[in-house]
Every structure is written in structure tokens, then in C-alpha cells.
N, C-alpha and C. Protein backbone atom coordinates (compact mmCIF):
# COMPACT_ATOMS: atom_id res chain seq x y z
N UNK A 1 60.85 128.13 63.82
CA UNK A 1 60.11 128.71 64.92
C UNK A 1 59.24 127.64 65.55
N UNK A 2 59.27 127.58 66.83
CA UNK A 2 58.52 126.55 67.54
C UNK A 2 57.01 126.72 67.39
N UNK A 3 56.57 127.93 67.40
CA UNK A 3 55.13 128.16 67.41
C UNK A 3 54.55 128.29 66.02
N UNK A 4 55.38 128.26 65.00
CA UNK A 4 54.89 128.34 63.63
C UNK A 4 54.38 129.72 63.26
N UNK A 5 54.83 130.73 63.97
CA UNK A 5 54.39 132.09 63.67
C UNK A 5 55.59 132.89 63.18
N UNK A 6 55.48 133.50 62.02
CA UNK A 6 56.63 134.23 61.48
C UNK A 6 56.98 135.47 62.31
N UNK A 7 58.28 135.77 62.35
CA UNK A 7 58.74 136.94 63.08
C UNK A 7 58.22 138.23 62.43
N UNK A 8 57.77 138.17 61.17
CA UNK A 8 57.26 139.37 60.52
C UNK A 8 56.02 139.92 61.22
N UNK A 9 55.33 139.07 61.98
CA UNK A 9 54.12 139.50 62.68
C UNK A 9 54.44 140.26 63.97
N UNK A 10 55.69 140.39 64.31
CA UNK A 10 56.10 141.02 65.55
C UNK A 10 56.07 142.54 65.39
N UNK A 11 55.45 143.21 66.36
CA UNK A 11 55.44 144.68 66.39
C UNK A 11 56.42 145.13 67.46
N UNK A 12 57.09 146.23 67.20
CA UNK A 12 58.06 146.77 68.14
C UNK A 12 57.60 148.13 68.64
N UNK A 13 57.64 148.31 69.95
CA UNK A 13 57.32 149.58 70.57
C UNK A 13 58.57 150.09 71.28
N UNK A 14 58.86 151.38 71.12
CA UNK A 14 60.07 151.98 71.70
C UNK A 14 59.65 153.10 72.64
N UNK A 15 60.17 153.07 73.86
CA UNK A 15 59.88 154.15 74.81
C UNK A 15 60.81 155.32 74.53
N UNK A 16 60.54 156.42 75.19
CA UNK A 16 61.51 157.50 75.23
C UNK A 16 62.58 157.11 76.25
N UNK A 17 63.55 157.97 76.44
CA UNK A 17 64.58 157.70 77.43
C UNK A 17 63.99 157.78 78.83
N UNK A 18 64.36 156.85 79.69
CA UNK A 18 63.98 156.88 81.10
C UNK A 18 65.25 156.68 81.93
N UNK A 19 65.21 157.14 83.17
CA UNK A 19 66.35 156.97 84.06
C UNK A 19 66.05 155.84 85.03
N UNK A 20 66.95 154.87 85.07
CA UNK A 20 66.82 153.74 85.99
C UNK A 20 68.20 153.47 86.57
N UNK A 21 68.28 153.43 87.89
CA UNK A 21 69.56 153.20 88.56
C UNK A 21 70.62 154.19 88.09
N UNK A 22 70.21 155.43 87.93
CA UNK A 22 71.09 156.53 87.53
C UNK A 22 71.67 156.34 86.13
N UNK A 23 70.99 155.56 85.30
CA UNK A 23 71.39 155.35 83.90
C UNK A 23 70.23 155.71 82.99
N UNK A 24 70.55 156.25 81.83
CA UNK A 24 69.52 156.51 80.82
C UNK A 24 69.35 155.27 79.98
N UNK A 25 68.14 154.75 79.94
CA UNK A 25 67.86 153.56 79.15
C UNK A 25 66.63 153.78 78.28
N UNK A 26 66.45 152.89 77.34
CA UNK A 26 65.26 152.86 76.48
C UNK A 26 64.67 151.47 76.61
N UNK A 27 63.37 151.39 76.85
CA UNK A 27 62.66 150.11 76.91
C UNK A 27 62.13 149.80 75.51
N UNK A 28 62.31 148.57 75.09
CA UNK A 28 61.82 148.12 73.79
C UNK A 28 60.94 146.90 74.01
N UNK A 29 59.73 146.93 73.47
CA UNK A 29 58.81 145.81 73.60
C UNK A 29 58.53 145.22 72.23
N UNK A 30 58.52 143.90 72.18
CA UNK A 30 58.16 143.17 70.96
C UNK A 30 56.87 142.43 71.27
N UNK A 31 55.86 142.59 70.40
CA UNK A 31 54.55 142.00 70.64
C UNK A 31 54.13 141.20 69.42
N UNK A 32 53.64 139.99 69.67
CA UNK A 32 53.12 139.12 68.61
C UNK A 32 51.88 138.44 69.19
N UNK A 33 50.73 139.00 68.91
CA UNK A 33 49.50 138.46 69.50
C UNK A 33 49.58 138.61 71.02
N UNK A 34 49.51 137.48 71.73
CA UNK A 34 49.61 137.54 73.20
C UNK A 34 51.04 137.30 73.68
N UNK A 35 51.97 137.03 72.76
CA UNK A 35 53.38 136.85 73.11
C UNK A 35 54.03 138.22 73.26
N UNK A 36 54.99 138.31 74.17
CA UNK A 36 55.73 139.56 74.31
C UNK A 36 57.16 139.28 74.76
N UNK A 37 58.02 140.23 74.46
CA UNK A 37 59.39 140.23 74.95
C UNK A 37 59.76 141.69 75.20
N UNK A 38 60.43 141.93 76.30
CA UNK A 38 60.82 143.29 76.65
C UNK A 38 62.32 143.33 76.91
N UNK A 39 62.95 144.36 76.39
CA UNK A 39 64.38 144.51 76.58
C UNK A 39 64.76 145.95 76.79
N UNK A 40 66.06 146.16 76.98
CA UNK A 40 66.57 147.50 77.21
C UNK A 40 67.76 147.79 76.30
N UNK A 41 67.91 149.05 76.03
CA UNK A 41 69.11 149.57 75.37
C UNK A 41 69.66 150.65 76.28
N UNK A 42 70.94 150.83 76.39
CA UNK A 42 71.95 150.37 75.45
C UNK A 42 72.47 148.95 75.68
N UNK A 43 71.99 148.24 76.70
CA UNK A 43 72.51 146.90 77.01
C UNK A 43 72.21 145.88 75.92
N UNK A 44 71.06 145.99 75.27
CA UNK A 44 70.70 145.04 74.22
C UNK A 44 70.35 143.67 74.75
N UNK A 45 69.65 143.64 75.89
CA UNK A 45 69.25 142.36 76.48
C UNK A 45 67.73 142.30 76.61
N UNK A 46 67.20 141.10 76.48
CA UNK A 46 65.78 140.85 76.71
C UNK A 46 65.66 140.39 78.16
N UNK A 47 64.87 141.11 78.96
CA UNK A 47 64.79 140.76 80.38
C UNK A 47 63.44 140.19 80.81
N UNK A 48 62.44 140.24 79.93
CA UNK A 48 61.14 139.64 80.22
C UNK A 48 60.59 139.07 78.92
N UNK A 49 59.93 137.92 79.00
CA UNK A 49 59.30 137.39 77.80
C UNK A 49 58.27 136.34 78.16
N UNK A 50 57.33 136.16 77.25
CA UNK A 50 56.32 135.10 77.37
C UNK A 50 55.91 134.73 75.96
N UNK A 51 56.03 133.45 75.62
CA UNK A 51 55.54 132.96 74.34
C UNK A 51 56.57 132.87 73.24
N UNK A 52 57.70 133.56 73.36
CA UNK A 52 58.75 133.46 72.36
C UNK A 52 59.68 132.31 72.74
N UNK A 53 60.19 131.60 71.73
CA UNK A 53 61.15 130.52 71.99
C UNK A 53 62.50 131.12 72.38
N UNK A 54 63.37 130.29 72.92
CA UNK A 54 64.72 130.75 73.29
C UNK A 54 65.47 131.26 72.06
N UNK A 55 65.30 130.57 70.94
CA UNK A 55 65.94 131.01 69.70
C UNK A 55 65.42 132.39 69.28
N UNK A 56 64.11 132.59 69.38
CA UNK A 56 63.53 133.89 69.02
C UNK A 56 64.04 134.98 69.95
N UNK A 57 64.18 134.66 71.24
CA UNK A 57 64.70 135.65 72.21
C UNK A 57 66.13 136.05 71.82
N UNK A 58 66.95 135.07 71.45
CA UNK A 58 68.32 135.38 71.01
C UNK A 58 68.30 136.28 69.78
N UNK A 59 67.40 135.99 68.84
CA UNK A 59 67.30 136.81 67.63
C UNK A 59 66.85 138.23 67.96
N UNK A 60 65.90 138.37 68.88
CA UNK A 60 65.44 139.70 69.27
C UNK A 60 66.54 140.48 69.97
N UNK A 61 67.29 139.83 70.86
CA UNK A 61 68.41 140.51 71.54
C UNK A 61 69.46 140.92 70.52
N UNK A 62 69.74 140.06 69.55
CA UNK A 62 70.69 140.40 68.50
C UNK A 62 70.18 141.59 67.68
N UNK A 63 68.88 141.59 67.38
CA UNK A 63 68.27 142.70 66.65
C UNK A 63 68.49 144.01 67.41
N UNK A 64 68.29 143.98 68.74
CA UNK A 64 68.50 145.18 69.55
C UNK A 64 69.95 145.68 69.42
N UNK A 65 70.89 144.77 69.53
CA UNK A 65 72.31 145.16 69.48
C UNK A 65 72.70 145.70 68.10
N UNK A 66 72.26 145.00 67.05
CA UNK A 66 72.62 145.40 65.69
C UNK A 66 71.99 146.74 65.30
N UNK A 67 70.77 146.97 65.76
CA UNK A 67 70.03 148.19 65.38
C UNK A 67 69.99 149.23 66.49
N UNK A 68 70.91 149.13 67.43
CA UNK A 68 70.92 150.01 68.61
C UNK A 68 70.85 151.49 68.25
N UNK A 69 71.69 151.95 67.35
CA UNK A 69 71.74 153.38 67.04
C UNK A 69 70.42 153.88 66.45
N UNK A 70 69.84 153.09 65.55
CA UNK A 70 68.57 153.50 64.94
C UNK A 70 67.44 153.53 65.98
N UNK A 71 67.41 152.52 66.85
CA UNK A 71 66.36 152.46 67.87
C UNK A 71 66.52 153.60 68.86
N UNK A 72 67.75 153.88 69.28
CA UNK A 72 67.98 155.01 70.20
C UNK A 72 67.60 156.33 69.54
N UNK A 73 67.82 156.43 68.23
CA UNK A 73 67.39 157.63 67.50
C UNK A 73 65.89 157.79 67.52
N UNK A 74 65.16 156.67 67.39
CA UNK A 74 63.70 156.73 67.48
C UNK A 74 63.25 157.13 68.89
N UNK A 75 63.96 156.65 69.89
CA UNK A 75 63.61 156.97 71.28
C UNK A 75 63.74 158.47 71.55
N UNK A 76 64.69 159.11 70.89
CA UNK A 76 64.86 160.56 71.07
C UNK A 76 63.66 161.33 70.55
N UNK A 77 62.94 160.76 69.59
CA UNK A 77 61.78 161.43 69.00
C UNK A 77 60.51 161.26 69.83
N UNK A 78 60.52 160.34 70.78
CA UNK A 78 59.32 160.06 71.58
C UNK A 78 59.07 161.21 72.53
N UNK A 79 57.86 161.73 72.47
CA UNK A 79 57.45 162.81 73.37
C UNK A 79 56.27 162.28 74.19
N UNK A 80 56.52 161.81 75.42
CA UNK A 80 55.44 161.18 76.18
C UNK A 80 54.29 162.13 76.51
N UNK A 81 54.56 163.41 76.68
CA UNK A 81 53.47 164.35 76.98
C UNK A 81 52.55 164.50 75.78
N UNK A 82 53.13 164.61 74.59
CA UNK A 82 52.30 164.75 73.38
C UNK A 82 51.47 163.49 73.17
N UNK A 83 52.06 162.32 73.38
CA UNK A 83 51.33 161.06 73.23
C UNK A 83 50.20 160.98 74.24
N UNK A 84 50.44 161.37 75.46
CA UNK A 84 49.44 161.33 76.51
C UNK A 84 48.29 162.28 76.21
N UNK A 85 48.58 163.45 75.68
CA UNK A 85 47.53 164.44 75.39
C UNK A 85 46.64 164.02 74.24
N UNK A 86 47.12 163.16 73.35
CA UNK A 86 46.31 162.69 72.22
C UNK A 86 45.20 161.76 72.64
N UNK A 87 45.32 161.11 73.79
CA UNK A 87 44.32 160.12 74.20
C UNK A 87 43.06 160.77 74.69
């Protein structure tokens, strides 16, 4: 790792399903301190990032593809109204 920070420190946030360009997608964010990477499923691509190396971005995209079904399952459980009401 270029920055000397282990990938274990990365937190993952999963959105519920959203519609974009007439497609249902899930946004996935990876956060490590001030570094971030954002991607989408079902495509399994990282489309925004800051602070992660190119190698780390490839690993995160691979993680999305390999764990797609589990992550999409988590997205089905997300209830944005319930989360919003808790604040």
C-alpha cells in the first residue's frame, strides 16, 4: 500500500436501491479517514475516489464484483425513511 494504511481500516457504506438512468443501482462508499472511494453495483466499478492508490481501487472494484450478491442483499434491507427518522 502506498500510504502505509491497512485496508482493514476501511469502512463500507451501502445505500438502498436507487434509480439512475432507468436502472436500479446501489451506491457503495469506502471510507478510510479522509480517503474515499465510491462505486456502483451491479456494475462493480469505482467511479470516484480520493486518497486510494490505483492498486487499492482495483482491489475495491474486485471486492464489489466478488461480493455483489451479499452487498445487494444488504441494500435490500436499507430503509431510508427509518434511518432518516432516527436522526
